[in-house]
Amino acid sequence: MSGHFKSVIFLIVCVFVSFPALSQESKFKPVTFENLYESDFCDYKIGFPEEPLISTATAPTLTNETIEQDNISFTKIYDLSKSLSVEATCRPLVAGEKEILTQKFLKKSLDAMAKQDNVIRANSAANVNEKTGDTYGLIVGSRRENPRESLITYQIWVGDDSLFFLKMESKGPEDDEKEDLFANILRNFVNKKIN
């Protein structure tokens, strides 16, 4: 792995585990995006360099109900061998779900997703964000079939009123522009209480 690629992985862990600094080796240039997903019911917002696709669908809850959720998707194709994709959902929490969505539950859910997608885990965390009180879980890793040309993160965030799921994947050879976009989209994901 190149130094830049390692710096991007380090940035992901820093952003979501609340470490304040970036690697000094990084060439990363932070950018704030204007194209936001920011729904009234969602505790979170996320920015993109271009308009994401947003749709609404019915989804099951953990209490055997159904509820409307927003599906957010963004894809950037660089060439035939390189791409970046983002898939996210946000939906309101229903009564009783917050008690189910513990750190242990999030860790088990993320482990199952990584196993299903054949992902080698480089790092993982399940914790409570000190700034917002949100419970979150995340995994950062790579595809087992091509670990040198993939970077993937799964994240679940439980806010005061909503549940946010985020999956991002960078495919293809290392590329500073692609890895910077990956890091900047993560940097543009925030609880609305903070920003």
Protein backbone atom coordinates (compact mmCIF):
# COMPACT_ATOMS: atom_id res chain seq x y z
CA MET A 1 0.00 0.00 0.00
CA SER A 2 1.27 3.48 -0.84
CA GLY A 3 1.64 6.18 1.79
CA HIS A 4 -1.29 8.12 0.34
CA PHE A 5 -3.59 5.07 0.46
CA LYS A 6 -2.57 4.42 4.08
CA SER A 7 -3.28 8.06 4.88
CA VAL A 8 -6.80 7.76 3.44
CA ILE A 9 -7.49 4.67 5.58
CA PHE A 10 -6.11 6.55 8.58
CA LEU A 11 -8.40 9.50 7.75
CA ILE A 12 -11.46 7.24 7.69
CA VAL A 13 -10.65 5.89 11.11
CA CYS A 14 -9.86 9.41 12.40
CA VAL A 15 -13.09 10.93 11.14
CA PHE A 16 -15.32 8.28 12.63
CA VAL A 17 -13.48 7.43 15.79
CA SER A 18 -13.03 11.15 16.59
CA PHE A 19 -9.25 11.46 16.42
CA PRO A 20 -8.34 15.09 15.72
CA ALA A 21 -5.38 14.82 13.36
CA LEU A 22 -4.52 13.52 9.91
CA SER A 23 -1.28 11.82 9.01
CA GLN A 24 1.40 14.37 8.24
CA GLU A 25 2.36 12.38 5.13
CA SER A 26 -1.06 12.88 3.57
CA LYS A 27 -1.56 14.93 0.43
CA PHE A 28 -5.28 15.03 1.25
CA LYS A 29 -7.01 18.34 0.53
CA PRO A 30 -10.30 18.80 2.42
CA VAL A 31 -13.28 19.97 0.36
CA THR A 32 -16.78 20.91 1.49
CA PHE A 33 -19.44 19.82 -0.99
CA GLU A 34 -22.57 21.83 -1.81
CA ASN A 35 -24.73 18.91 -3.05
CA LEU A 36 -26.28 17.63 0.16
CA TYR A 37 -28.59 14.90 1.24
CA GLU A 38 -30.32 16.53 4.20
CA SER A 39 -33.82 15.27 5.01
CA ASP A 40 -35.94 16.82 7.76
CA PHE A 41 -36.36 13.51 9.60
CA CYS A 42 -32.71 12.44 9.32
CA ASP A 43 -30.24 13.38 12.06
CA TYR A 44 -27.43 13.32 9.50
CA LYS A 45 -26.38 15.03 6.30
CA ILE A 46 -23.85 14.02 3.69
CA GLY A 47 -22.30 16.03 0.86
CA PHE A 48 -21.27 14.98 -2.62
CA PRO A 49 -19.38 16.63 -5.50
CA GLU A 50 -22.48 16.14 -7.71
CA GLU A 51 -26.17 15.58 -7.00
CA PRO A 52 -26.73 12.11 -5.53
CA LEU A 53 -29.68 9.97 -6.59
CA ILE A 54 -32.31 9.98 -3.86
CA SER A 55 -35.36 7.74 -3.77
CA THR A 56 -37.86 6.61 -1.18
CA ALA A 57 -38.81 3.03 -0.38
CA THR A 58 -40.60 1.07 2.28
CA ALA A 59 -38.29 -0.79 4.66
CA PRO A 60 -38.78 -3.18 7.58
CA THR A 61 -37.95 -2.05 11.10
CA LEU A 62 -36.44 -4.12 13.88
CA THR A 63 -39.86 -4.18 15.57
CA ASN A 64 -41.61 -5.85 12.61
CA GLU A 65 -43.19 -2.68 11.25
CA THR A 66 -42.61 -0.96 7.93
CA ILE A 67 -41.49 2.61 7.42
CA GLU A 68 -40.45 4.91 4.58
CA GLN A 69 -36.71 5.37 4.18
CA ASP A 70 -34.55 7.50 1.90
CA ASN A 71 -32.07 5.69 -0.35
CA ILE A 72 -29.07 7.78 -1.36
CA SER A 73 -26.66 6.71 -4.07
CA PHE A 74 -23.68 8.24 -5.80
CA THR A 75 -21.21 6.72 -8.28
CA LYS A 76 -18.12 8.23 -9.85
CA ILE A 77 -16.51 6.23 -12.65
CA TYR A 78 -12.96 7.29 -13.46
CA ASP A 79 -12.22 4.80 -16.22
CA LEU A 80 -12.88 1.14 -16.96
CA SER A 81 -10.79 0.03 -13.98
CA LYS A 82 -11.52 2.68 -11.31
CA SER A 83 -14.73 3.75 -9.57
CA LEU A 84 -16.16 5.01 -6.31
CA SER A 85 -19.66 4.14 -5.13
CA VAL A 86 -21.75 5.27 -2.18
CA GLU A 87 -24.97 3.62 -1.02
CA ALA A 88 -26.75 5.00 2.03
CA THR A 89 -30.13 4.90 3.71
CA CYS A 90 -31.73 7.02 6.36
CA ARG A 91 -35.01 6.39 8.10
CA PRO A 92 -36.76 7.45 11.28
CA LEU A 93 -36.37 5.25 14.33
CA VAL A 94 -39.56 3.69 15.66
CA ALA A 95 -40.43 3.05 19.32
CA GLY A 96 -38.28 0.32 20.82
CA GLU A 97 -35.55 0.27 18.15
CA LYS A 98 -33.01 2.44 19.94
CA GLU A 99 -32.83 -0.11 22.76
CA ILE A 100 -32.12 -2.89 20.23
CA LEU A 101 -29.43 -0.92 18.34
CA THR A 102 -26.63 -1.40 20.89
CA GLN A 103 -22.92 -1.39 20.10
CA LYS A 104 -22.95 -5.19 20.27
CA PHE A 105 -25.88 -5.40 17.83
CA LEU A 106 -24.18 -3.00 15.39
CA LYS A 107 -20.92 -4.96 15.55
CA LYS A 108 -22.70 -8.25 14.82
CA SER A 109 -24.65 -6.68 11.94
CA LEU A 110 -21.52 -5.19 10.37
CA ASP A 111 -19.58 -8.45 10.80
CA ALA A 112 -22.38 -10.28 8.97
CA MET A 113 -22.34 -7.74 6.11
CA ALA A 114 -18.56 -7.97 5.76
CA LYS A 115 -18.69 -11.77 5.76
CA GLN A 116 -21.48 -11.81 3.15
CA ASP A 117 -19.50 -9.43 0.90
CA ASN A 118 -16.23 -11.33 1.44
CA VAL A 119 -14.44 -8.35 3.02
CA ILE A 120 -11.11 -8.52 4.86
CA ARG A 121 -11.43 -6.23 7.86
CA ALA A 122 -8.55 -3.79 8.43
CA ASN A 123 -10.23 -1.98 11.31
CA SER A 124 -13.56 -1.85 13.10
CA ALA A 125 -15.20 0.01 15.94
CA ALA A 126 -18.48 0.14 17.81
CA ASN A 127 -18.84 2.98 20.24
CA VAL A 128 -20.70 6.10 21.33
CA ASN A 129 -19.70 9.42 19.75
CA GLU A 130 -18.78 11.75 22.61
CA LYS A 131 -19.87 14.90 20.75
CA THR A 132 -23.37 13.74 19.75
CA GLY A 133 -24.20 10.74 21.92
CA ASP A 134 -24.84 8.68 18.77
CA THR A 135 -24.15 4.96 18.85
CA TYR A 136 -22.17 3.86 15.81
CA GLY A 137 -20.41 0.90 14.30
CA LEU A 138 -18.00 0.81 11.38
CA ILE A 139 -15.78 -1.52 9.44
CA VAL A 140 -12.98 -0.53 7.07
CA GLY A 141 -11.46 -3.19 4.86
CA SER A 142 -10.99 -4.54 1.36
CA ARG A 143 -12.47 -7.22 -0.88
CA ARG A 144 -10.85 -10.60 -0.33
CA GLU A 145 -10.69 -11.32 -4.07
CA ASN A 146 -8.74 -8.13 -4.84
CA PRO A 147 -7.46 -6.55 -1.62
CA ARG A 148 -4.88 -4.26 -3.25
CA GLU A 149 -7.51 -2.62 -5.46
CA SER A 150 -10.41 -2.10 -3.08
CA LEU A 151 -11.27 -0.02 -0.05
CA ILE A 152 -14.66 -0.46 1.57
CA THR A 153 -16.39 0.89 4.65
CA TYR A 154 -19.72 -0.02 6.20
CA GLN A 155 -21.12 2.27 8.86
CA ILE A 156 -24.28 2.31 10.95
CA TRP A 157 -25.19 5.44 12.92
CA VAL A 158 -28.02 5.60 15.47
CA GLY A 159 -29.03 9.20 16.18
CA ASP A 160 -31.70 10.68 18.40
CA ASP A 161 -34.44 10.15 15.84
CA SER A 162 -33.00 8.26 12.87
CA LEU A 163 -30.91 5.33 11.66
CA PHE A 164 -28.29 5.96 8.96
CA PHE A 165 -26.47 3.23 7.04
CA LEU A 166 -23.51 4.04 4.81
CA LYS A 167 -21.54 1.78 2.47
CA MET A 168 -18.70 3.25 0.40
CA GLU A 169 -16.41 1.38 -1.93
CA SER A 170 -13.39 2.43 -3.97
CA LYS A 171 -12.44 -0.05 -6.70
CA GLY A 172 -9.41 -0.19 -8.93
CA PRO A 173 -5.76 0.79 -8.75
CA GLU A 174 -4.71 3.42 -6.25
CA ASP A 175 -5.46 6.92 -7.46
CA ASP A 176 -5.02 10.08 -5.39
CA GLU A 177 -8.09 11.79 -6.87
CA LYS A 178 -10.33 8.78 -6.19
CA GLU A 179 -9.00 8.25 -2.66
CA ASP A 180 -9.33 11.98 -1.87
CA LEU A 181 -12.96 11.91 -3.03
CA PHE A 182 -13.58 8.88 -0.81
CA ALA A 183 -12.12 10.72 2.18
CA ASN A 184 -13.93 13.98 1.38
CA ILE A 185 -17.34 12.32 1.15
CA LEU A 186 -16.69 10.78 4.57
CA ARG A 187 -15.58 14.19 5.82
CA ASN A 188 -18.85 15.66 4.54
CA PHE A 189 -20.94 13.18 6.54
CA VAL A 190 -21.98 14.73 9.85
CA ASN A 191 -24.66 14.78 12.49
CA LYS A 192 -26.66 17.99 11.96
CA LYS A 193 -26.22 18.83 15.66
CA ILE A 194 -22.55 19.53 14.95
CA ASN A 195 -22.97 21.49 11.76
